PDB file of N, CA and C in Angstrom:
ATOM      1  N   UNK A   1       9.877 -13.016 -37.034  1.00  0.00           N
ATOM      2  CA  UNK A   1       9.277 -13.417 -35.861  1.00  0.00           C
ATOM      3  C   UNK A   1      10.077 -12.864 -34.722  1.00  0.00           C
ATOM      4  N   UNK A   2      11.284 -13.162 -34.636  1.00  0.00           N
ATOM      5  CA  UNK A   2      12.139 -12.793 -33.451  1.00  0.00           C
ATOM      6  C   UNK A   2      12.342 -11.294 -33.532  1.00  0.00           C
ATOM      7  N   UNK A   3      12.361 -10.671 -34.663  1.00  0.00           N
ATOM      8  CA  UNK A   3      12.575  -9.304 -34.896  1.00  0.00           C
ATOM      9  C   UNK A   3      11.469  -8.425 -34.246  1.00  0.00           C
ATOM     10  N   UNK A   4      10.277  -8.916 -34.293  1.00  0.00           N
ATOM     11  CA  UNK A   4       9.057  -8.260 -33.766  1.00  0.00           C
ATOM     12  C   UNK A   4       9.207  -8.413 -32.111  1.00  0.00           C
ATOM     13  N   UNK A   5       9.565  -9.544 -31.624  1.00  0.00           N
ATOM     14  CA  UNK A   5       9.612  -9.712 -30.214  1.00  0.00           C
ATOM     15  C   UNK A   5      10.861  -8.760 -29.743  1.00  0.00           C
ATOM     16  N   UNK A   6      11.906  -8.797 -30.362  1.00  0.00           N
ATOM     17  CA  UNK A   6      13.085  -7.890 -29.934  1.00  0.00           C
ATOM     18  C   UNK A   6      12.698  -6.485 -29.949  1.00  0.00           C
ATOM     19  N   UNK A   7      12.010  -6.099 -30.973  1.00  0.00           N
ATOM     20  CA  UNK A   7      11.555  -4.677 -31.018  1.00  0.00           C
ATOM     21  C   UNK A   7      10.557  -4.414 -30.014  1.00  0.00           C
ATOM     22  N   UNK A   8       9.623  -5.205 -29.659  1.00  0.00           N
ATOM     23  CA  UNK A   8       8.800  -4.994 -28.547  1.00  0.00           C
ATOM     24  C   UNK A   8       9.421  -4.854 -27.211  1.00  0.00           C
ATOM     25  N   UNK A   9      10.426  -5.799 -27.028  1.00  0.00           N
ATOM     26  CA  UNK A   9      11.236  -5.777 -25.792  1.00  0.00           C
ATOM     27  C   UNK A   9      12.017  -4.533 -25.622  1.00  0.00           C
ATOM     28  N   UNK A  10      12.632  -4.039 -26.753  1.00  0.00           N
ATOM     29  CA  UNK A  10      13.440  -2.810 -26.641  1.00  0.00           C
ATOM     30  C   UNK A  10      12.482  -1.605 -26.332  1.00  0.00           C
ATOM     31  N   UNK A  11      11.351  -1.558 -26.960  1.00  0.00           N
ATOM     32  CA  UNK A  11      10.555  -0.480 -26.661  1.00  0.00           C
ATOM     33  C   UNK A  11       9.991  -0.334 -25.166  1.00  0.00           C
ATOM     34  N   UNK A  12       9.716  -1.637 -24.674  1.00  0.00           N
ATOM     35  CA  UNK A  12       9.278  -1.703 -23.216  1.00  0.00           C
ATOM     36  C   UNK A  12      10.480  -1.356 -22.333  1.00  0.00           C
ATOM     37  N   UNK A  13      11.617  -1.851 -22.627  1.00  0.00           N
ATOM     38  CA  UNK A  13      12.857  -1.475 -21.882  1.00  0.00           C
ATOM     39  C   UNK A  13      13.111  -0.029 -21.964  1.00  0.00           C
ATOM     40  N   UNK A  14      13.046   0.526 -23.112  1.00  0.00           N
ATOM     41  CA  UNK A  14      13.242   1.942 -23.309  1.00  0.00           C
ATOM     42  C   UNK A  14      12.308   2.818 -22.540  1.00  0.00           C
ATOM     43  N   UNK A  15      10.994   2.412 -22.592  1.00  0.00           N
ATOM     44  CA  UNK A  15      10.009   3.037 -21.777  1.00  0.00           C
ATOM     45  C   UNK A  15      10.281   3.072 -20.276  1.00  0.00           C
ATOM     46  N   UNK A  16      10.679   1.729 -19.873  1.00  0.00           N
ATOM     47  CA  UNK A  16      11.103   1.738 -18.403  1.00  0.00           C
ATOM     48  C   UNK A  16      12.303   2.532 -18.009  1.00  0.00           C
ATOM     49  N   UNK A  17      13.279   2.555 -18.777  1.00  0.00           N
ATOM     50  CA  UNK A  17      14.387   3.286 -18.439  1.00  0.00           C
ATOM     51  C   UNK A  17      14.168   4.862 -18.513  1.00  0.00           C
ATOM     52  N   UNK A  18      13.430   5.240 -19.500  1.00  0.00           N
ATOM     53  CA  UNK A  18      13.192   6.700 -19.692  1.00  0.00           C
ATOM     54  C   UNK A  18      12.296   7.245 -18.636  1.00  0.00           C
ATOM     55  N   UNK A  19      11.300   6.542 -18.289  1.00  0.00           N
ATOM     56  CA  UNK A  19      10.250   7.108 -17.447  1.00  0.00           C
ATOM     57  C   UNK A  19      10.386   6.583 -15.961  1.00  0.00           C
ATOM     58  N   UNK A  20      10.232   5.315 -15.770  1.00  0.00           N
ATOM     59  CA  UNK A  20      10.196   4.761 -14.442  1.00  0.00           C
ATOM     60  C   UNK A  20      11.502   4.991 -13.576  1.00  0.00           C
ATOM     61  N   UNK A  21      12.598   4.569 -14.197  1.00  0.00           N
ATOM     62  CA  UNK A  21      13.946   4.659 -13.425  1.00  0.00           C
ATOM     63  C   UNK A  21      14.317   6.088 -13.206  1.00  0.00           C
ATOM     64  N   UNK A  22      14.164   7.014 -14.312  1.00  0.00           N
ATOM     65  CA  UNK A  22      14.605   8.404 -14.151  1.00  0.00           C
ATOM     66  C   UNK A  22      13.795   9.066 -13.110  1.00  0.00           C
ATOM     67  N   UNK A  23      12.538   8.836 -13.143  1.00  0.00           N
ATOM     68  CA  UNK A  23      11.621   9.572 -12.173  1.00  0.00           C
ATOM     69  C   UNK A  23      11.843   9.051 -10.799  1.00  0.00           C
ATOM     70  N   UNK A  24      12.199   7.726 -10.584  1.00  0.00           N
ATOM     71  CA  UNK A  24      12.469   7.199  -9.290  1.00  0.00           C
ATOM     72  C   UNK A  24      13.777   7.816  -8.796  1.00  0.00           C
ATOM     73  N   UNK A  25      14.800   7.932  -9.538  1.00  0.00           N
ATOM     74  CA  UNK A  25      15.899   8.617  -9.187  1.00  0.00           C
ATOM     75  C   UNK A  25      15.764  10.134  -8.719  1.00  0.00           C
ATOM     76  N   UNK A  26      14.953  10.811  -9.604  1.00  0.00           N
ATOM     77  CA  UNK A  26      14.881  12.231  -9.358  1.00  0.00           C
ATOM     78  C   UNK A  26      13.998  12.486  -8.021  1.00  0.00           C
ATOM     79  N   UNK A  27      12.951  11.665  -7.932  1.00  0.00           N
ATOM     80  CA  UNK A  27      12.080  11.857  -6.713  1.00  0.00           C
ATOM     81  C   UNK A  27      12.774  11.366  -5.447  1.00  0.00           C
ATOM     82  N   UNK A  28      13.501  10.304  -5.608  1.00  0.00           N
ATOM     83  CA  UNK A  28      14.266   9.883  -4.412  1.00  0.00           C
ATOM     84  C   UNK A  28      15.253  10.957  -3.945  1.00  0.00           C
ATOM     85  N   UNK A  29      15.859  11.532  -4.930  1.00  0.00           N
ATOM     86  CA  UNK A  29      16.940  12.615  -4.557  1.00  0.00           C
ATOM     87  C   UNK A  29      16.217  13.687  -3.915  1.00  0.00           C
ATOM     88  N   UNK A  30      15.046  14.148  -4.493  1.00  0.00           N
ATOM     89  CA  UNK A  30      14.322  15.244  -3.840  1.00  0.00           C
ATOM     90  C   UNK A  30      13.881  14.891  -2.393  1.00  0.00           C
ATOM     91  N   UNK A  31      13.474  13.669  -2.283  1.00  0.00           N
ATOM     92  CA  UNK A  31      12.968  13.301  -0.933  1.00  0.00           C
ATOM     93  C   UNK A  31      14.131  13.295   0.034  1.00  0.00           C
ATOM     94  N   UNK A  32      15.271  12.889  -0.273  1.00  0.00           N
ATOM     95  CA  UNK A  32      16.493  12.869   0.570  1.00  0.00           C
ATOM     96  C   UNK A  32      16.918  14.285   0.812  1.00  0.00           C
ATOM     97  N   UNK A  33      16.847  15.234  -0.046  1.00  0.00           N
ATOM     98  CA  UNK A  33      17.245  16.500   0.120  1.00  0.00           C
ATOM     99  C   UNK A  33      16.286  17.254   0.992  1.00  0.00           C
ATOM    100  N   UNK A  34      14.949  17.129   0.806  1.00  0.00           N
ATOM    101  CA  UNK A  34      13.929  17.722   1.663  1.00  0.00           C
ATOM    102  C   UNK A  34      14.027  17.152   3.039  1.00  0.00           C
ATOM    103  N   UNK A  35      14.174  15.846   3.242  1.00  0.00           N
ATOM    104  CA  UNK A  35      14.386  15.235   4.560  1.00  0.00           C
ATOM    105  C   UNK A  35      15.574  15.790   5.388  1.00  0.00           C
ATOM    106  N   UNK A  36      16.710  15.841   4.637  1.00  0.00           N
ATOM    107  CA  UNK A  36      17.800  16.379   5.284  1.00  0.00           C
ATOM    108  C   UNK A  36      17.672  17.803   5.762  1.00  0.00           C
ATOM    109  N   UNK A  37      17.070  18.636   4.987  1.00  0.00           N
ATOM    110  CA  UNK A  37      16.894  19.948   5.122  1.00  0.00           C
ATOM    111  C   UNK A  37      15.842  20.201   6.325  1.00  0.00           C
ATOM    112  N   UNK A  38      14.848  19.317   6.371  1.00  0.00           N
ATOM    113  CA  UNK A  38      13.914  19.461   7.451  1.00  0.00           C
ATOM    114  C   UNK A  38      14.636  19.011   8.798  1.00  0.00           C
ATOM    115  N   UNK A  39      15.388  18.047   8.828  1.00  0.00           N
ATOM    116  CA  UNK A  39      16.203  17.579   9.995  1.00  0.00           C
ATOM    117  C   UNK A  39      17.141  18.657  10.414  1.00  0.00           C
ATOM    118  N   UNK A  40      17.715  19.412   9.601  1.00  0.00           N
ATOM    119  CA  UNK A  40      18.697  20.387   9.840  1.00  0.00           C
ATOM    120  C   UNK A  40      17.977  21.564  10.493  1.00  0.00           C
ATOM    121  N   UNK A  41      16.776  21.914   9.925  1.00  0.00           N
ATOM    122  CA  UNK A  41      15.976  22.940  10.498  1.00  0.00           C
ATOM    123  C   UNK A  41      15.500  22.690  11.935  1.00  0.00           C
ATOM    124  N   UNK A  42      15.123  21.467  12.100  1.00  0.00           N
ATOM    125  CA  UNK A  42      14.586  21.094  13.494  1.00  0.00           C
ATOM    126  C   UNK A  42      15.830  21.096  14.448  1.00  0.00           C
ATOM    127  N   UNK A  43      16.929  20.537  14.102  1.00  0.00           N
ATOM    128  CA  UNK A  43      18.139  20.506  14.996  1.00  0.00           C
ATOM    129  C   UNK A  43      18.689  21.911  15.273  1.00  0.00           C
ATOM    130  N   UNK A  44      18.563  22.789  14.302  1.00  0.00           N
ATOM    131  CA  UNK A  44      19.153  24.198  14.490  1.00  0.00           C
ATOM    132  C   UNK A  44      18.099  25.172  15.281  1.00  0.00           C
ATOM    133  N   UNK A  45      17.024  24.671  15.640  1.00  0.00           N
ATOM    134  CA  UNK A  45      15.968  25.389  16.360  1.00  0.00           C
ATOM    135  C   UNK A  45      15.554  26.719  15.536  1.00  0.00           C
ATOM    136  N   UNK A  46      15.462  26.607  14.274  1.00  0.00           N
ATOM    137  CA  UNK A  46      15.085  27.834  13.393  1.00  0.00           C
ATOM    138  C   UNK A  46      13.637  28.145  13.510  1.00  0.00           C
ATOM    139  N   UNK A  47      12.868  27.095  13.699  1.00  0.00           N
ATOM    140  CA  UNK A  47      11.400  27.250  13.766  1.00  0.00           C
ATOM    141  C   UNK A  47      11.069  27.919  15.131  1.00  0.00           C
ATOM    142  N   UNK A  48      10.039  28.756  15.237  1.00  0.00           N
ATOM    143  CA  UNK A  48       9.593  29.291  16.449  1.00  0.00           C
ATOM    144  C   UNK A  48       9.030  28.227  17.400  1.00  0.00           C
ATOM    145  N   UNK A  49       9.034  28.559  18.601  1.00  0.00           N
ATOM    146  CA  UNK A  49       8.581  27.631  19.704  1.00  0.00           C
ATOM    147  C   UNK A  49       7.007  27.504  19.549  1.00  0.00           C
ATOM    148  N   UNK A  50       6.548  26.351  20.036  1.00  0.00           N
ATOM    149  CA  UNK A  50       5.161  26.159  19.809  1.00  0.00           C
ATOM    150  C   UNK A  50       4.423  26.328  21.112  1.00  0.00           C
ATOM    151  N   UNK A  51       4.960  27.052  22.075  1.00  0.00           N
ATOM    152  CA  UNK A  51       4.289  27.245  23.327  1.00  0.00           C
ATOM    153  C   UNK A  51       2.936  27.875  23.222  1.00  0.00           C
ATOM    154  N   UNK A  52       2.801  28.783  22.336  1.00  0.00           N
ATOM    155  CA  UNK A  52       1.383  29.432  22.142  1.00  0.00           C
ATOM    156  C   UNK A  52       0.416  28.520  21.601  1.00  0.00           C
ATOM    157  N   UNK A  53       0.787  27.589  20.709  1.00  0.00           N
ATOM    158  CA  UNK A  53      -0.052  26.596  20.143  1.00  0.00           C
ATOM    159  C   UNK A  53      -0.416  25.582  21.162  1.00  0.00           C
ATOM    160  N   UNK A  54       0.513  25.122  22.039  1.00  0.00           N
ATOM    161  CA  UNK A  54       0.273  24.145  23.044  1.00  0.00           C
ATOM    162  C   UNK A  54      -0.757  24.742  24.085  1.00  0.00           C
ATOM    163  N   UNK A  55      -0.565  26.019  24.427  1.00  0.00           N
ATOM    164  CA  UNK A  55      -1.380  26.576  25.421  1.00  0.00           C
ATOM    165  C   UNK A  55      -2.822  26.761  24.816  1.00  0.00           C
ATOM    166  N   UNK A  56      -2.874  27.085  23.454  1.00  0.00           N
ATOM    167  CA  UNK A  56      -4.243  27.332  22.873  1.00  0.00           C
ATOM    168  C   UNK A  56      -4.890  25.911  22.852  1.00  0.00           C
ATOM    169  N   UNK A  57      -4.147  24.847  22.544  1.00  0.00           N
ATOM    170  CA  UNK A  57      -4.805  23.456  22.463  1.00  0.00           C
ATOM    171  C   UNK A  57      -5.135  22.991  23.782  1.00  0.00           C
ATOM    172  N   UNK A  58      -4.512  23.535  24.905  1.00  0.00           N
ATOM    173  CA  UNK A  58      -4.918  23.120  26.295  1.00  0.00           C
ATOM    174  C   UNK A  58      -6.191  23.757  26.692  1.00  0.00           C
ATOM    175  N   UNK A  59      -6.593  24.794  26.054  1.00  0.00           N
ATOM    176  CA  UNK A  59      -7.793  25.555  26.569  1.00  0.00           C
ATOM    177  C   UNK A  59      -8.998  25.107  25.751  1.00  0.00           C
ATOM    178  N   UNK A  60      -8.863  23.987  24.955  1.00  0.00           N
ATOM    179  CA  UNK A  60     -10.041  23.459  24.228  1.00  0.00           C
ATOM    180  C   UNK A  60     -10.907  22.722  25.191  1.00  0.00           C
ATOM    181  N   UNK A  61     -12.235  22.915  25.212  1.00  0.00           N
ATOM    182  CA  UNK A  61     -13.021  22.123  26.192  1.00  0.00           C
ATOM    183  C   UNK A  61     -12.931  20.608  25.960  1.00  0.00           C
ATOM    184  N   UNK A  62     -13.329  19.827  26.937  1.00  0.00           N
ATOM    185  CA  UNK A  62     -13.099  18.378  26.965  1.00  0.00           C
ATOM    186  C   UNK A  62     -14.029  17.798  25.872  1.00  0.00           C
ATOM    187  N   UNK A  63     -15.238  18.279  25.685  1.00  0.00           N
ATOM    188  CA  UNK A  63     -16.108  17.684  24.651  1.00  0.00           C
ATOM    189  C   UNK A  63     -15.593  17.944  23.173  1.00  0.00           C
ATOM    190  N   UNK A  64     -15.062  19.062  22.969  1.00  0.00           N
ATOM    191  CA  UNK A  64     -14.460  19.275  21.619  1.00  0.00           C
ATOM    192  C   UNK A  64     -13.234  18.468  21.497  1.00  0.00           C
ATOM    193  N   UNK A  65     -12.324  18.390  22.449  1.00  0.00           N
ATOM    194  CA  UNK A  65     -11.116  17.607  22.468  1.00  0.00           C
ATOM    195  C   UNK A  65     -11.525  16.081  22.130  1.00  0.00           C
ATOM    196  N   UNK A  66     -12.578  15.615  22.673  1.00  0.00           N
ATOM    197  CA  UNK A  66     -13.050  14.286  22.477  1.00  0.00           C
ATOM    198  C   UNK A  66     -13.383  14.045  21.011  1.00  0.00           C
ATOM    199  N   UNK A  67     -14.093  15.022  20.455  1.00  0.00           N
ATOM    200  CA  UNK A  67     -14.355  14.888  18.953  1.00  0.00           C
ATOM    201  C   UNK A  67     -13.109  15.028  18.045  1.00  0.00           C
ATOM    202  N   UNK A  68     -12.250  15.903  18.553  1.00  0.00           N
ATOM    203  CA  UNK A  68     -10.987  15.941  17.797  1.00  0.00           C
ATOM    204  C   UNK A  68     -10.164  14.591  17.814  1.00  0.00           C
ATOM    205  N   UNK A  69     -10.248  13.971  18.902  1.00  0.00           N
ATOM    206  CA  UNK A  69      -9.585  12.647  19.050  1.00  0.00           C
ATOM    207  C   UNK A  69     -10.200  11.629  18.187  1.00  0.00           C
ATOM    208  N   UNK A  70     -11.615  11.621  18.196  1.00  0.00           N
ATOM    209  CA  UNK A  70     -12.257  10.707  17.372  1.00  0.00           C
ATOM    210  C   UNK A  70     -12.043  10.855  15.875  1.00  0.00           C
ATOM    211  N   UNK A  71     -11.919  12.084  15.438  1.00  0.00           N
ATOM    212  CA  UNK A  71     -11.757  12.349  13.993  1.00  0.00           C
ATOM    213  C   UNK A  71     -10.288  12.500  13.524  1.00  0.00           C
ATOM    214  N   UNK A  72      -9.373  12.247  14.592  1.00  0.00           N
ATOM    215  CA  UNK A  72      -7.950  12.457  14.394  1.00  0.00           C
ATOM    216  C   UNK A  72      -7.596  13.736  13.724  1.00  0.00           C
ATOM    217  N   UNK A  73      -8.153  14.810  14.262  1.00  0.00           N
ATOM    218  CA  UNK A  73      -7.865  16.143  13.874  1.00  0.00           C
ATOM    219  C   UNK A  73      -6.375  16.512  14.012  1.00  0.00           C
ATOM    220  N   UNK A  74      -5.797  16.081  15.158  1.00  0.00           N
ATOM    221  CA  UNK A  74      -4.343  16.519  15.384  1.00  0.00           C
ATOM    222  C   UNK A  74      -3.406  15.938  14.325  1.00  0.00           C
ATOM    223  N   UNK A  75      -3.734  14.676  13.896  1.00  0.00           N
ATOM    224  CA  UNK A  75      -2.935  14.018  12.803  1.00  0.00           C
ATOM    225  C   UNK A  75      -3.117  14.744  11.544  1.00  0.00           C
ATOM    226  N   UNK A  76      -4.377  15.128  11.178  1.00  0.00           N
ATOM    227  CA  UNK A  76      -4.623  15.725  10.013  1.00  0.00           C
ATOM    228  C   UNK A  76      -3.977  17.227   9.977  1.00  0.00           C
ATOM    229  N   UNK A  77      -4.005  17.899  11.206  1.00  0.00           N
ATOM    230  CA  UNK A  77      -3.327  19.154  11.118  1.00  0.00           C
ATOM    231  C   UNK A  77      -1.870  19.043  10.887  1.00  0.00           C
ATOM    232  N   UNK A  78      -1.182  18.040  11.539  1.00  0.00           N
ATOM    233  CA  UNK A  78       0.216  17.867  11.335  1.00  0.00           C
ATOM    234  C   UNK A  78       0.487  17.426   9.866  1.00  0.00           C
ATOM    235  N   UNK A  79      -0.299  16.667   9.283  1.00  0.00           N
ATOM    236  CA  UNK A  79      -0.188  16.300   7.847  1.00  0.00           C
ATOM    237  C   UNK A  79      -0.216  17.466   6.902  1.00  0.00           C
ATOM    238  N   UNK A  80      -1.182  18.365   7.212  1.00  0.00           N
ATOM    239  CA  UNK A  80      -1.455  19.553   6.442  1.00  0.00           C
ATOM    240  C   UNK A  80      -0.210  20.467   6.455  1.00  0.00           C
ATOM    241  N   UNK A  81       0.244  20.617   7.649  1.00  0.00           N
ATOM    242  CA  UNK A  81       1.412  21.599   7.937  1.00  0.00           C
ATOM    243  C   UNK A  81       2.634  21.025   7.244  1.00  0.00           C
ATOM    244  N   UNK A  82       2.936  19.757   7.345  1.00  0.00           N
ATOM    245  CA  UNK A  82       4.104  19.151   6.630  1.00  0.00           C
ATOM    246  C   UNK A  82       3.980  19.177   5.177  1.00  0.00           C
ATOM    247  N   UNK A  83       2.683  19.004   4.643  1.00  0.00           N
ATOM    248  CA  UNK A  83       2.510  19.048   3.141  1.00  0.00           C
ATOM    249  C   UNK A  83       2.741  20.375   2.608  1.00  0.00           C
ATOM    250  N   UNK A  84       2.174  21.439   3.275  1.00  0.00           N
ATOM    251  CA  UNK A  84       2.433  22.813   2.928  1.00  0.00           C
ATOM    252  C   UNK A  84       3.935  23.246   3.000  1.00  0.00           C
ATOM    253  N   UNK A  85       4.649  22.818   4.047  1.00  0.00           N
ATOM    254  CA  UNK A  85       5.977  23.094   4.214  1.00  0.00           C
ATOM    255  C   UNK A  85       6.842  22.358   3.009  1.00  0.00           C
ATOM    256  N   UNK A  86       6.520  21.204   2.683  1.00  0.00           N
ATOM    257  CA  UNK A  86       7.218  20.486   1.581  1.00  0.00           C
ATOM    258  C   UNK A  86       6.915  21.047   0.323  1.00  0.00           C
ATOM    259  N   UNK A  87       5.623  21.485   0.099  1.00  0.00           N
ATOM    260  CA  UNK A  87       5.322  22.215  -1.160  1.00  0.00           C
ATOM    261  C   UNK A  87       5.982  23.509  -1.291  1.00  0.00           C
ATOM    262  N   UNK A  88       6.081  24.228  -0.193  1.00  0.00           N
ATOM    263  CA  UNK A  88       6.858  25.526  -0.226  1.00  0.00           C
ATOM    264  C   UNK A  88       8.314  25.262  -0.617  1.00  0.00           C
ATOM    265  N   UNK A  89       8.905  24.302  -0.032  1.00  0.00           N
ATOM    266  CA  UNK A  89      10.465  24.065  -0.204  1.00  0.00           C
ATOM    267  C   UNK A  89      10.563  23.475  -1.699  1.00  0.00           C
ATOM    268  N   UNK A  90       9.704  22.657  -2.197  1.00  0.00           N
ATOM    269  CA  UNK A  90       9.856  22.206  -3.498  1.00  0.00           C
ATOM    270  C   UNK A  90       9.660  23.188  -4.521  1.00  0.00           C
ATOM    271  N   UNK A  91       8.797  24.333  -4.298  1.00  0.00           N
ATOM    272  CA  UNK A  91       8.553  25.259  -5.235  1.00  0.00           C
ATOM    273  C   UNK A  91       9.754  26.264  -5.254  1.00  0.00           C
ATOM    274  N   UNK A  92      10.622  26.171  -4.254  1.00  0.00           N
ATOM    275  CA  UNK A  92      11.783  27.037  -4.355  1.00  0.00           C
ATOM    276  C   UNK A  92      13.044  26.501  -5.098  1.00  0.00           C
ATOM    277  N   UNK A  93      12.820  25.162  -5.623  1.00  0.00           N
ATOM    278  CA  UNK A  93      13.819  24.562  -6.436  1.00  0.00           C
ATOM    279  C   UNK A  93      13.643  25.105  -7.839  1.00  0.00           C
ATOM    280  N   UNK A  94      14.670  25.719  -8.459  1.00  0.00           N
ATOM    281  CA  UNK A  94      14.328  26.465  -9.711  1.00  0.00           C
ATOM    282  C   UNK A  94      13.891  25.604 -10.798  1.00  0.00           C
ATOM    283  N   UNK A  95      14.360  24.413 -11.034  1.00  0.00           N
ATOM    284  CA  UNK A  95      14.038  23.663 -12.201  1.00  0.00           C
ATOM    285  C   UNK A  95      12.758  22.795 -12.089  1.00  0.00           C
ATOM    286  N   UNK A  96      12.148  22.857 -10.849  1.00  0.00           N
ATOM    287  CA  UNK A  96      10.948  21.975 -10.684  1.00  0.00           C
ATOM    288  C   UNK A  96       9.753  22.892 -10.361  1.00  0.00           C
ATOM    289  N   UNK A  97       9.994  23.951  -9.393  1.00  0.00           N
ATOM    290  CA  UNK A  97       8.760  24.826  -9.012  1.00  0.00           C
ATOM    291  C   UNK A  97       8.492  25.847 -10.144  1.00  0.00           C
TER     292      UNK A  97
END
């Protein structure tokens, strides 16, 4: 009776250690590396200035800007850009991408 319970516990514990803990460590490390890399890029002013994008956004008519605000287009654009940037950097890691 106890042998079956111990075997079940060992298989559950083995599954947790092999999949959940290892993936948590790997993805946490990747997140920290990508976050540090992005902070370094922003502080080093490697990215081009956004003056052209700001002037283009300033020339949008008020009615269109109102709809953009209602649908949170600005938030969506920033999410898409950050997702593409993160995907680009993760694909440059040899053993993952």
